[in-house]
Amino acid sequence: MLAEIQGWISKVLYELIKGVTYANKGQFIIINSGYKRIVAENLGIKQQSVTNAVNQLTKKNILIKKETGVFLLNPQFFGRGEWKDISKIRYEVELSADGKVMRLKDTN
């Protein structure tokens, strides 16, 4: 799935990954307008291009939207820390019947 990402979108993804915050429920990225502006400046692209890339990454389930401006890196593709912690986070992501649409299970 990662191989299907277009060149410019993968550059945005790699730049976004630099802003990852690790928490016990996964690896989160806070993507607000200020961070989009920084990413755009770093890559020499328009801020709207960053927004478009985030939308594409969400559509391809590389990023999973937790709430407005907060995204989880899909734990099927990304992980940091000990395997026992990563595997627990993977179980908190629910797949649809077709295996493509993902969302976080309600763990509250």
N, C-alpha and C. Protein backbone atom coordinates (compact mmCIF):
# COMPACT_ATOMS: atom_id res chain seq x y z
N MET A 1 0.83 -1.19 0.00
CA MET A 1 0.00 0.00 0.00
C MET A 1 0.88 1.26 0.00
N LEU A 2 1.95 1.23 0.77
CA LEU A 2 2.85 2.39 0.81
C LEU A 2 3.49 2.64 -0.55
N ALA A 3 3.73 1.56 -1.31
CA ALA A 3 4.36 1.70 -2.62
C ALA A 3 3.45 2.41 -3.62
N GLU A 4 2.14 2.44 -3.36
CA GLU A 4 1.19 3.07 -4.26
C GLU A 4 1.13 4.59 -4.11
N ILE A 5 1.80 5.12 -3.11
CA ILE A 5 1.75 6.56 -2.86
C ILE A 5 2.61 7.29 -3.90
N GLN A 6 2.04 8.34 -4.51
CA GLN A 6 2.77 9.14 -5.50
C GLN A 6 3.95 9.84 -4.85
N GLY A 7 4.94 10.18 -5.65
CA GLY A 7 6.17 10.78 -5.17
C GLY A 7 6.01 11.97 -4.26
N TRP A 8 5.22 12.97 -4.68
CA TRP A 8 5.08 14.18 -3.87
C TRP A 8 4.32 13.90 -2.58
N ILE A 9 3.37 12.97 -2.62
CA ILE A 9 2.63 12.64 -1.41
C ILE A 9 3.53 11.91 -0.42
N SER A 10 4.42 11.06 -0.91
CA SER A 10 5.34 10.38 -0.01
C SER A 10 6.30 11.37 0.65
N LYS A 11 6.67 12.42 -0.06
CA LYS A 11 7.53 13.45 0.54
C LYS A 11 6.80 14.15 1.68
N VAL A 12 5.51 14.42 1.48
CA VAL A 12 4.71 15.04 2.54
C VAL A 12 4.61 14.07 3.72
N LEU A 13 4.36 12.80 3.45
CA LEU A 13 4.28 11.81 4.52
C LEU A 13 5.56 11.77 5.34
N TYR A 14 6.70 11.71 4.68
CA TYR A 14 7.97 11.65 5.41
C TYR A 14 8.20 12.92 6.23
N GLU A 15 7.76 14.04 5.71
CA GLU A 15 7.89 15.29 6.46
C GLU A 15 6.94 15.30 7.66
N LEU A 16 5.71 14.79 7.47
CA LEU A 16 4.75 14.72 8.58
C LEU A 16 5.25 13.80 9.69
N ILE A 17 5.90 12.71 9.30
CA ILE A 17 6.39 11.74 10.29
C ILE A 17 7.36 12.38 11.27
N LYS A 18 8.04 13.42 10.85
CA LYS A 18 8.96 14.11 11.75
C LYS A 18 8.24 14.72 12.95
N GLY A 19 6.92 14.94 12.81
CA GLY A 19 6.14 15.54 13.89
C GLY A 19 5.37 14.54 14.73
N VAL A 20 5.73 13.26 14.63
CA VAL A 20 5.00 12.22 15.36
C VAL A 20 5.20 12.35 16.86
N THR A 21 4.10 12.19 17.58
CA THR A 21 4.12 12.13 19.04
C THR A 21 3.75 10.71 19.42
N TYR A 22 4.56 10.09 20.24
CA TYR A 22 4.29 8.72 20.64
C TYR A 22 3.50 8.72 21.95
N ALA A 23 2.40 7.98 21.96
CA ALA A 23 1.58 7.81 23.16
C ALA A 23 1.25 6.33 23.31
N ASN A 24 0.72 5.95 24.44
CA ASN A 24 0.45 4.54 24.67
C ASN A 24 -0.62 3.98 23.74
N LYS A 25 -1.33 4.81 23.04
CA LYS A 25 -2.35 4.36 22.10
C LYS A 25 -1.89 4.47 20.65
N GLY A 26 -0.62 4.74 20.41
CA GLY A 26 -0.12 4.79 19.05
C GLY A 26 0.73 6.02 18.79
N GLN A 27 1.00 6.20 17.52
CA GLN A 27 1.83 7.31 17.07
C GLN A 27 0.93 8.34 16.41
N PHE A 28 0.82 9.50 17.02
CA PHE A 28 -0.10 10.53 16.57
C PHE A 28 0.65 11.68 15.92
N ILE A 29 -0.04 12.33 14.99
CA ILE A 29 0.47 13.54 14.37
C ILE A 29 -0.62 14.59 14.52
N ILE A 30 -0.26 15.73 15.07
CA ILE A 30 -1.16 16.87 15.15
C ILE A 30 -0.93 17.68 13.89
N ILE A 31 -1.95 17.72 13.03
CA ILE A 31 -1.81 18.42 11.75
C ILE A 31 -2.77 19.61 11.75
N ASN A 32 -2.25 20.74 12.18
CA ASN A 32 -3.04 21.97 12.16
C ASN A 32 -2.49 22.88 11.06
N SER A 33 -3.09 24.04 10.89
CA SER A 33 -2.67 24.92 9.80
C SER A 33 -1.22 25.38 9.95
N GLY A 34 -0.78 25.59 11.19
CA GLY A 34 0.62 25.99 11.40
C GLY A 34 1.60 24.91 10.98
N TYR A 35 1.27 23.66 11.32
CA TYR A 35 2.16 22.55 10.93
C TYR A 35 2.13 22.34 9.42
N LYS A 36 0.96 22.50 8.81
CA LYS A 36 0.87 22.39 7.35
C LYS A 36 1.74 23.45 6.68
N ARG A 37 1.72 24.66 7.23
CA ARG A 37 2.54 25.75 6.68
C ARG A 37 4.02 25.41 6.77
N ILE A 38 4.45 24.86 7.91
CA ILE A 38 5.85 24.48 8.09
C ILE A 38 6.25 23.39 7.10
N VAL A 39 5.40 22.37 6.96
CA VAL A 39 5.67 21.27 6.02
C VAL A 39 5.76 21.82 4.60
N ALA A 40 4.82 22.69 4.24
CA ALA A 40 4.82 23.28 2.90
C ALA A 40 6.10 24.07 2.64
N GLU A 41 6.51 24.86 3.62
CA GLU A 41 7.75 25.64 3.47
C GLU A 41 8.96 24.73 3.33
N ASN A 42 9.02 23.68 4.14
CA ASN A 42 10.15 22.75 4.09
C ASN A 42 10.26 22.05 2.74
N LEU A 43 9.10 21.79 2.11
CA LEU A 43 9.10 21.07 0.83
C LEU A 43 9.01 21.99 -0.38
N GLY A 44 8.79 23.28 -0.13
CA GLY A 44 8.67 24.22 -1.25
C GLY A 44 7.40 24.01 -2.06
N ILE A 45 6.31 23.67 -1.36
CA ILE A 45 5.02 23.47 -2.01
C ILE A 45 3.98 24.35 -1.34
N LYS A 46 2.77 24.37 -1.89
CA LYS A 46 1.69 25.16 -1.32
C LYS A 46 1.07 24.41 -0.13
N GLN A 47 0.54 25.18 0.80
CA GLN A 47 -0.11 24.60 1.96
C GLN A 47 -1.30 23.72 1.54
N GLN A 48 -2.01 24.11 0.49
CA GLN A 48 -3.13 23.31 -0.01
C GLN A 48 -2.66 21.93 -0.48
N SER A 49 -1.44 21.86 -0.99
CA SER A 49 -0.89 20.57 -1.42
C SER A 49 -0.69 19.65 -0.23
N VAL A 50 -0.30 20.21 0.90
CA VAL A 50 -0.16 19.42 2.13
C VAL A 50 -1.54 18.90 2.55
N THR A 51 -2.54 19.76 2.50
CA THR A 51 -3.91 19.34 2.83
C THR A 51 -4.37 18.22 1.90
N ASN A 52 -4.11 18.37 0.60
CA ASN A 52 -4.48 17.34 -0.36
C ASN A 52 -3.76 16.02 -0.06
N ALA A 53 -2.49 16.09 0.31
CA ALA A 53 -1.74 14.89 0.63
C ALA A 53 -2.30 14.21 1.87
N VAL A 54 -2.65 14.99 2.89
CA VAL A 54 -3.24 14.43 4.11
C VAL A 54 -4.54 13.72 3.76
N ASN A 55 -5.35 14.33 2.91
CA ASN A 55 -6.61 13.71 2.49
C ASN A 55 -6.36 12.39 1.76
N GLN A 56 -5.38 12.36 0.87
CA GLN A 56 -5.05 11.14 0.14
C GLN A 56 -4.52 10.05 1.09
N LEU A 57 -3.67 10.45 2.03
CA LEU A 57 -3.11 9.49 2.99
C LEU A 57 -4.20 8.92 3.89
N THR A 58 -5.19 9.74 4.21
CA THR A 58 -6.32 9.28 5.01
C THR A 58 -7.19 8.33 4.19
N LYS A 59 -7.42 8.68 2.94
CA LYS A 59 -8.22 7.83 2.05
C LYS A 59 -7.57 6.46 1.86
N LYS A 60 -6.24 6.43 1.83
CA LYS A 60 -5.50 5.17 1.64
C LYS A 60 -5.21 4.45 2.97
N ASN A 61 -5.75 5.00 4.06
CA ASN A 61 -5.60 4.41 5.39
C ASN A 61 -4.16 4.36 5.89
N ILE A 62 -3.33 5.25 5.39
CA ILE A 62 -1.98 5.41 5.93
C ILE A 62 -2.08 6.22 7.22
N LEU A 63 -2.94 7.24 7.19
CA LEU A 63 -3.28 8.01 8.38
C LEU A 63 -4.72 7.67 8.75
N ILE A 64 -4.98 7.55 10.03
CA ILE A 64 -6.33 7.29 10.52
C ILE A 64 -6.74 8.50 11.36
N LYS A 65 -7.84 9.14 10.96
CA LYS A 65 -8.28 10.35 11.65
C LYS A 65 -8.87 9.97 13.00
N LYS A 66 -8.28 10.51 14.05
CA LYS A 66 -8.76 10.29 15.42
C LYS A 66 -9.82 11.32 15.78
N GLU A 67 -9.51 12.58 15.49
CA GLU A 67 -10.45 13.69 15.65
C GLU A 67 -9.90 14.84 14.83
N THR A 68 -10.56 15.97 14.83
CA THR A 68 -10.14 17.09 14.00
C THR A 68 -8.67 17.44 14.26
N GLY A 69 -7.87 17.35 13.20
CA GLY A 69 -6.47 17.71 13.29
C GLY A 69 -5.56 16.70 13.96
N VAL A 70 -6.09 15.58 14.39
CA VAL A 70 -5.30 14.55 15.08
C VAL A 70 -5.40 13.24 14.30
N PHE A 71 -4.27 12.74 13.88
CA PHE A 71 -4.21 11.53 13.08
C PHE A 71 -3.30 10.50 13.72
N LEU A 72 -3.66 9.24 13.56
CA LEU A 72 -2.85 8.12 14.03
C LEU A 72 -2.16 7.53 12.82
N LEU A 73 -0.86 7.27 12.93
CA LEU A 73 -0.19 6.52 11.88
C LEU A 73 -0.72 5.09 11.95
N ASN A 74 -1.10 4.53 10.83
CA ASN A 74 -1.64 3.19 10.81
C ASN A 74 -0.62 2.21 11.39
N PRO A 75 -0.96 1.55 12.50
CA PRO A 75 -0.01 0.64 13.15
C PRO A 75 0.28 -0.62 12.35
N GLN A 76 -0.44 -0.83 11.25
CA GLN A 76 -0.11 -1.96 10.36
C GLN A 76 1.15 -1.65 9.55
N PHE A 77 1.48 -0.35 9.43
CA PHE A 77 2.63 0.07 8.63
C PHE A 77 3.76 0.69 9.45
N PHE A 78 3.41 1.28 10.60
CA PHE A 78 4.39 2.02 11.39
C PHE A 78 4.36 1.53 12.83
N GLY A 79 5.50 1.51 13.45
CA GLY A 79 5.55 1.15 14.85
C GLY A 79 6.85 1.63 15.49
N ARG A 80 6.75 1.91 16.76
CA ARG A 80 7.93 2.34 17.51
C ARG A 80 7.79 1.78 18.92
N GLY A 81 8.86 1.25 19.43
CA GLY A 81 8.82 0.69 20.77
C GLY A 81 8.89 -0.82 20.74
N GLU A 82 8.43 -1.43 21.81
CA GLU A 82 8.47 -2.88 21.93
C GLU A 82 7.31 -3.52 21.18
N TRP A 83 7.55 -4.72 20.64
CA TRP A 83 6.55 -5.41 19.84
C TRP A 83 5.25 -5.62 20.62
N LYS A 84 5.33 -5.93 21.91
CA LYS A 84 4.11 -6.17 22.70
C LYS A 84 3.22 -4.93 22.71
N ASP A 85 3.83 -3.75 22.74
CA ASP A 85 3.05 -2.51 22.71
C ASP A 85 2.47 -2.24 21.32
N ILE A 86 3.27 -2.49 20.29
CA ILE A 86 2.82 -2.28 18.91
C ILE A 86 1.68 -3.23 18.58
N SER A 87 1.82 -4.50 18.98
CA SER A 87 0.77 -5.47 18.66
C SER A 87 -0.53 -5.13 19.39
N LYS A 88 -0.44 -4.58 20.60
CA LYS A 88 -1.65 -4.17 21.33
C LYS A 88 -2.35 -3.03 20.59
N ILE A 89 -1.58 -2.08 20.09
CA ILE A 89 -2.14 -0.96 19.33
C ILE A 89 -2.80 -1.48 18.05
N ARG A 90 -2.19 -2.47 17.41
CA ARG A 90 -2.77 -3.02 16.20
C ARG A 90 -4.15 -3.60 16.45
N TYR A 91 -4.37 -4.19 17.61
CA TYR A 91 -5.67 -4.77 17.93
C TYR A 91 -6.72 -3.69 18.19
N GLU A 92 -6.30 -2.47 18.39
CA GLU A 92 -7.24 -1.38 18.64
C GLU A 92 -7.68 -0.71 17.35
N VAL A 93 -7.18 -1.20 16.21
CA VAL A 93 -7.61 -0.71 14.91
C VAL A 93 -8.52 -1.76 14.31
N GLU A 94 -9.71 -1.34 13.93
CA GLU A 94 -10.72 -2.26 13.42
C GLU A 94 -10.79 -2.18 11.90
N LEU A 95 -10.77 -3.33 11.24
CA LEU A 95 -10.86 -3.41 9.79
C LEU A 95 -12.30 -3.69 9.39
N SER A 96 -12.71 -3.17 8.24
CA SER A 96 -14.02 -3.50 7.72
C SER A 96 -13.95 -4.87 7.05
N ALA A 97 -15.06 -5.36 6.58
CA ALA A 97 -15.11 -6.68 5.95
C ALA A 97 -14.19 -6.77 4.74
N ASP A 98 -14.02 -5.65 4.01
CA ASP A 98 -13.15 -5.69 2.83
C ASP A 98 -11.68 -5.48 3.19
N GLY A 99 -11.42 -5.23 4.48
CA GLY A 99 -10.04 -5.10 4.95
C GLY A 99 -9.39 -3.77 4.64
N LYS A 100 -10.15 -2.81 4.14
CA LYS A 100 -9.56 -1.54 3.74
C LYS A 100 -9.91 -0.38 4.65
N VAL A 101 -11.15 -0.25 5.03
CA VAL A 101 -11.57 0.88 5.84
C VAL A 101 -11.19 0.60 7.29
N MET A 102 -10.46 1.50 7.89
CA MET A 102 -10.00 1.29 9.25
C MET A 102 -10.44 2.41 10.15
N ARG A 103 -10.67 2.08 11.38
CA ARG A 103 -10.99 3.09 12.38
C ARG A 103 -10.51 2.58 13.73
N LEU A 104 -10.40 3.48 14.66
CA LEU A 104 -10.00 3.09 16.00
C LEU A 104 -11.21 2.54 16.75
N LYS A 105 -11.01 1.43 17.42
CA LYS A 105 -12.07 0.90 18.26
C LYS A 105 -12.24 1.81 19.45
N ASP A 106 -13.42 1.91 19.97
CA ASP A 106 -13.67 2.71 21.15
C ASP A 106 -13.16 1.92 22.34
N THR A 107 -12.08 2.41 22.94
CA THR A 107 -11.46 1.70 24.06
C THR A 107 -11.86 2.28 25.40
N ASN A 108 -12.79 3.21 25.43
CA ASN A 108 -13.25 3.81 26.69
C ASN A 108 -14.30 2.96 27.34
